[in-house]
């Protein structure tokens, strides 16, 4: 066995253990918000194992305003942690041409949030659910349109086994970026916005792949900032000042 490859896989094993033991910060989100008591977060390991079960029982209280995104992490050739991203098709009616995480709305038959994220990733970019080990979910983010978005974190142990097959109706490009960039104050800018009297910052990260520059911003950037903070166990090197509606914090 190649010793370098063994060391890399050891890093992922340590990361997987760290994330499986992760306990979300209760102040980040009002998880028991009365408007979401029937849309509970499923156990990530159970949903990962049951995603291919055709007889899976749908989660209680499935609502059309609940969605999940997959943060699929893998180890790059230089040993850095990277995350898979997509550029949405320019023909889509909403968020066309924007960078996004694979994911979408929960459907009847989904065993839980992890199942939703994995199903959507397969539909959008051809990522086999068996290639991803779901290790945890984070507290929900909420949009202004009252959509609850659940970040599902998974690890791809063997990136070489993944050959992207984008669904051309939904995805224009598939690429990856270093996760740690979302903690650094480099290639980043912010714009102040206001909604219902609440001022907040939208963060924009520029990421170049060959001759293409992708802009990762808004909710996708916020989720990746949170994931990077959890993975690296440190806050970003800049002020977040996120909108209150994303976390629905009681603070």
Protein backbone atom coordinates (compact mmCIF):
# COMPACT_ATOMS: atom_id res chain seq x y z
CA UNK A 1 0.00 0.00 0.00
CA UNK A 2 1.22 3.46 -0.90
CA UNK A 3 2.14 5.16 2.41
CA UNK A 4 0.98 8.62 1.24
CA UNK A 5 -2.41 7.25 0.30
CA UNK A 6 -2.66 5.53 3.68
CA UNK A 7 -1.90 8.83 5.44
CA UNK A 8 -4.58 10.58 3.43
CA UNK A 9 -7.17 7.97 4.25
CA UNK A 10 -6.20 8.25 7.90
CA UNK A 11 -7.01 11.96 7.76
CA UNK A 12 -10.45 11.19 6.42
CA UNK A 13 -11.04 8.58 9.10
CA UNK A 14 -10.14 11.09 11.80
CA UNK A 15 -12.44 13.65 10.16
CA UNK A 16 -15.30 11.15 9.94
CA UNK A 17 -14.96 10.34 13.63
CA UNK A 18 -14.84 14.04 14.51
CA UNK A 19 -18.02 14.75 12.55
CA UNK A 20 -19.89 11.73 13.87
CA UNK A 21 -19.26 13.03 17.37
CA UNK A 22 -20.20 16.60 16.47
CA UNK A 23 -22.97 18.11 18.56
CA UNK A 24 -24.56 21.17 16.93
CA UNK A 25 -24.47 24.45 18.82
CA UNK A 26 -28.00 24.86 20.26
CA UNK A 27 -27.73 28.63 19.95
CA UNK A 28 -27.23 28.46 16.17
CA UNK A 29 -30.79 27.48 15.38
CA UNK A 30 -34.08 27.19 17.19
CA UNK A 31 -34.40 23.51 16.29
CA UNK A 32 -37.68 23.14 18.14
CA UNK A 33 -39.23 26.15 16.46
CA UNK A 34 -42.98 25.47 16.60
CA UNK A 35 -43.31 25.87 12.85
CA UNK A 36 -40.96 22.92 12.30
CA UNK A 37 -41.75 20.47 15.08
CA UNK A 38 -43.07 17.93 12.58
CA UNK A 39 -40.07 18.11 10.25
CA UNK A 40 -37.45 16.51 12.41
CA UNK A 41 -33.84 15.82 11.53
CA UNK A 42 -33.31 12.12 10.88
CA UNK A 43 -30.40 10.10 12.24
CA UNK A 44 -27.72 10.52 9.56
CA UNK A 45 -26.31 7.00 9.76
CA UNK A 46 -29.74 5.36 9.57
CA UNK A 47 -30.78 7.43 6.59
CA UNK A 48 -27.51 6.73 4.80
CA UNK A 49 -28.06 2.99 5.18
CA UNK A 50 -31.72 3.12 4.17
CA UNK A 51 -31.41 5.36 1.12
CA UNK A 52 -31.49 2.42 -1.30
CA UNK A 53 -34.37 0.67 0.48
CA UNK A 54 -37.35 0.75 -1.89
CA UNK A 55 -39.68 0.19 1.06
CA UNK A 56 -38.35 3.11 3.07
CA UNK A 57 -41.00 4.82 5.17
CA UNK A 58 -41.14 8.58 4.52
CA UNK A 59 -40.21 10.92 7.37
CA UNK A 60 -43.02 12.33 9.47
CA UNK A 61 -44.47 15.61 8.32
CA UNK A 62 -42.73 15.80 4.95
CA UNK A 63 -43.38 19.27 3.59
CA UNK A 64 -42.69 20.78 0.20
CA UNK A 65 -40.74 23.57 1.93
CA UNK A 66 -38.08 21.20 3.31
CA UNK A 67 -34.88 20.61 1.35
CA UNK A 68 -31.44 19.10 1.87
CA UNK A 69 -28.05 19.77 0.30
CA UNK A 70 -25.03 17.47 0.20
CA UNK A 71 -21.66 18.74 1.34
CA UNK A 72 -19.54 16.00 -0.17
CA UNK A 73 -15.97 16.18 1.16
CA UNK A 74 -12.96 14.37 -0.23
CA UNK A 75 -9.20 14.62 -0.05
CA UNK A 76 -7.43 16.35 -2.92
CA UNK A 77 -4.15 15.36 -4.49
CA UNK A 78 -2.29 17.79 -2.22
CA UNK A 79 -3.96 16.45 0.92
CA UNK A 80 -6.43 19.31 1.32
CA UNK A 81 -10.13 18.81 1.99
CA UNK A 82 -12.31 19.74 -0.95
CA UNK A 83 -16.03 20.04 -1.56
CA UNK A 84 -18.06 19.28 -4.69
CA UNK A 85 -20.06 22.17 -6.16
CA UNK A 86 -22.18 22.76 -9.23
CA UNK A 87 -23.04 25.64 -11.50
CA UNK A 88 -26.77 25.62 -12.15
CA UNK A 89 -28.02 25.65 -15.71
CA UNK A 90 -28.63 29.08 -17.22
CA UNK A 91 -32.03 27.84 -18.45
CA UNK A 92 -33.47 27.23 -14.97
CA UNK A 93 -36.28 29.52 -13.84
CA UNK A 94 -34.71 30.24 -10.44
CA UNK A 95 -31.10 30.87 -9.40
CA UNK A 96 -30.00 30.21 -12.98
CA UNK A 97 -26.24 30.17 -13.52
CA UNK A 98 -25.49 30.34 -9.80
CA UNK A 99 -23.12 28.08 -7.88
CA UNK A 100 -24.87 25.60 -5.61
CA UNK A 101 -24.41 22.46 -3.56
CA UNK A 102 -26.08 19.32 -4.94
CA UNK A 103 -29.52 19.04 -3.38
CA UNK A 104 -33.19 19.82 -3.56
CA UNK A 105 -36.60 19.42 -1.98
CA UNK A 106 -37.65 16.37 0.00
CA UNK A 107 -39.97 13.98 -1.81
CA UNK A 108 -42.37 11.27 -0.70
CA UNK A 109 -40.37 8.07 -0.29
CA UNK A 110 -37.21 9.80 0.96
CA UNK A 111 -36.14 8.10 4.19
CA UNK A 112 -34.90 11.38 5.61
CA UNK A 113 -32.71 14.39 4.94
CA UNK A 114 -29.65 12.34 4.00
CA UNK A 115 -31.73 10.33 1.54
CA UNK A 116 -32.98 13.55 -0.06
CA UNK A 117 -29.48 14.97 -0.44
CA UNK A 118 -28.07 11.73 -1.86
CA UNK A 119 -30.96 11.24 -4.28
CA UNK A 120 -30.64 14.78 -5.58
CA UNK A 121 -26.86 14.44 -5.98
CA UNK A 122 -27.36 11.30 -8.04
CA UNK A 123 -30.01 12.99 -10.20
CA UNK A 124 -28.00 16.18 -10.70
CA UNK A 125 -24.42 14.98 -11.13
CA UNK A 126 -24.53 11.18 -11.24
CA UNK A 127 -22.97 10.71 -7.80
CA UNK A 128 -23.60 7.15 -6.61
CA UNK A 129 -25.04 7.25 -3.04
CA UNK A 130 -22.92 4.19 -2.21
CA UNK A 131 -19.79 6.29 -2.81
CA UNK A 132 -20.69 8.71 0.00
CA UNK A 133 -20.56 8.01 3.72
CA UNK A 134 -22.98 10.37 5.47
CA UNK A 135 -21.48 11.31 8.83
CA UNK A 136 -23.65 14.11 10.22
CA UNK A 137 -26.24 16.78 9.53
CA UNK A 138 -26.13 20.39 10.70
CA UNK A 139 -28.89 22.57 12.05
CA UNK A 140 -31.23 23.93 9.36
CA UNK A 141 -30.88 27.17 7.47
CA UNK A 142 -34.08 29.03 6.52
CA UNK A 143 -34.65 31.16 3.46
CA UNK A 144 -36.81 34.23 3.01
CA UNK A 145 -39.20 32.02 1.04
CA UNK A 146 -39.70 29.87 4.13
CA UNK A 147 -37.71 26.89 2.81
CA UNK A 148 -35.87 24.88 5.46
CA UNK A 149 -32.51 23.68 4.12
CA UNK A 150 -30.67 20.87 5.90
CA UNK A 151 -26.89 20.59 5.31
CA UNK A 152 -25.91 16.91 5.08
CA UNK A 153 -22.18 16.22 5.35
CA UNK A 154 -20.76 13.16 3.63
CA UNK A 155 -17.29 11.83 2.92
CA UNK A 156 -16.20 10.38 -0.42
CA UNK A 157 -13.36 8.01 0.37
CA UNK A 158 -12.31 7.44 -3.24
CA UNK A 159 -12.65 10.49 -5.47
CA UNK A 160 -11.26 8.59 -8.46
CA UNK A 161 -14.42 6.47 -8.51
CA UNK A 162 -16.57 9.54 -9.22
CA UNK A 163 -17.03 10.52 -12.85
CA UNK A 164 -19.50 13.43 -12.96
CA UNK A 165 -22.49 13.00 -15.26
CA UNK A 166 -24.29 16.35 -15.08
CA UNK A 167 -28.00 16.48 -15.78
CA UNK A 168 -27.87 19.10 -18.54
CA UNK A 169 -31.36 20.34 -17.70
CA UNK A 170 -30.19 21.34 -14.22
CA UNK A 171 -26.39 21.54 -14.12
CA UNK A 172 -23.99 23.38 -16.38
CA UNK A 173 -20.73 22.41 -14.64
CA UNK A 174 -19.37 20.32 -11.77
CA UNK A 175 -16.23 21.44 -9.95
CA UNK A 176 -14.63 21.35 -6.53
CA UNK A 177 -13.08 23.89 -4.17
CA UNK A 178 -10.91 23.75 -1.04
CA UNK A 179 -13.13 23.81 2.04
CA UNK A 180 -10.72 25.95 4.05
CA UNK A 181 -11.11 28.87 1.64
CA UNK A 182 -14.44 29.63 3.32
CA UNK A 183 -12.62 30.57 6.53
CA UNK A 184 -10.04 32.82 4.88
CA UNK A 185 -10.36 36.51 4.13
CA UNK A 186 -8.95 36.03 0.64
CA UNK A 187 -10.74 36.24 -2.70
CA UNK A 188 -13.73 37.31 -0.64
CA UNK A 189 -15.95 40.35 -0.56
CA UNK A 190 -19.13 41.21 1.29
CA UNK A 191 -22.17 43.35 0.64
CA UNK A 192 -24.47 44.75 3.29
CA UNK A 193 -28.14 43.98 2.78
CA UNK A 194 -31.28 44.64 4.79
CA UNK A 195 -34.48 42.67 5.17
CA UNK A 196 -37.35 43.55 7.50
CA UNK A 197 -35.13 45.99 9.37
CA UNK A 198 -32.34 43.45 9.85
CA UNK A 199 -28.98 44.39 8.36
CA UNK A 200 -26.66 41.54 7.41
CA UNK A 201 -23.73 40.63 5.17
CA UNK A 202 -23.76 38.52 2.03
CA UNK A 203 -20.37 36.92 1.38
CA UNK A 204 -18.95 36.31 -2.08
CA UNK A 205 -15.99 33.97 -2.71
CA UNK A 206 -14.21 33.91 -6.07
CA UNK A 207 -12.78 30.54 -7.07
CA UNK A 208 -10.89 29.98 -10.31
CA UNK A 209 -10.83 26.62 -12.08
CA UNK A 210 -8.70 26.72 -15.22
CA UNK A 211 -10.02 29.75 -17.14
CA UNK A 212 -13.39 29.86 -15.37
CA UNK A 213 -14.07 31.96 -12.26
CA UNK A 214 -16.94 30.76 -10.11
CA UNK A 215 -18.62 33.01 -7.55
CA UNK A 216 -19.88 31.21 -4.46
CA UNK A 217 -22.24 33.39 -2.48
CA UNK A 218 -25.39 33.83 -0.39
CA UNK A 219 -26.81 30.70 1.28
CA UNK A 220 -24.32 28.33 -0.35
CA UNK A 221 -21.42 30.41 0.99
CA UNK A 222 -23.05 30.61 4.44
CA UNK A 223 -23.47 26.83 4.63
CA UNK A 224 -19.86 26.27 3.58
CA UNK A 225 -18.61 28.80 6.15
CA UNK A 226 -20.48 26.85 8.81
CA UNK A 227 -19.22 23.48 7.58
CA UNK A 228 -15.62 24.72 7.43
CA UNK A 229 -15.94 26.14 10.96
CA UNK A 230 -17.11 22.75 12.22
CA UNK A 231 -14.50 20.74 10.31
CA UNK A 232 -11.54 22.95 11.23
CA UNK A 233 -12.90 23.83 14.67
CA UNK A 234 -12.34 27.56 14.30
CA UNK A 235 -14.34 30.62 13.24
CA UNK A 236 -13.77 32.45 9.95
CA UNK A 237 -11.15 35.20 9.75
CA UNK A 238 -13.84 37.77 9.00
CA UNK A 239 -17.09 39.02 10.47
CA UNK A 240 -20.04 36.87 9.35
CA UNK A 241 -23.00 38.97 10.49
CA UNK A 242 -25.50 36.58 8.94
CA UNK A 243 -29.22 37.40 8.61
CA UNK A 244 -31.48 36.36 11.46
CA UNK A 245 -33.89 34.54 9.17
CA UNK A 246 -31.20 31.98 8.19
CA UNK A 247 -30.90 30.64 11.71
CA UNK A 248 -34.13 31.88 13.30
CA UNK A 249 -32.12 32.31 16.45
CA UNK A 250 -33.92 33.41 19.56
CA UNK A 251 -30.92 35.46 20.58
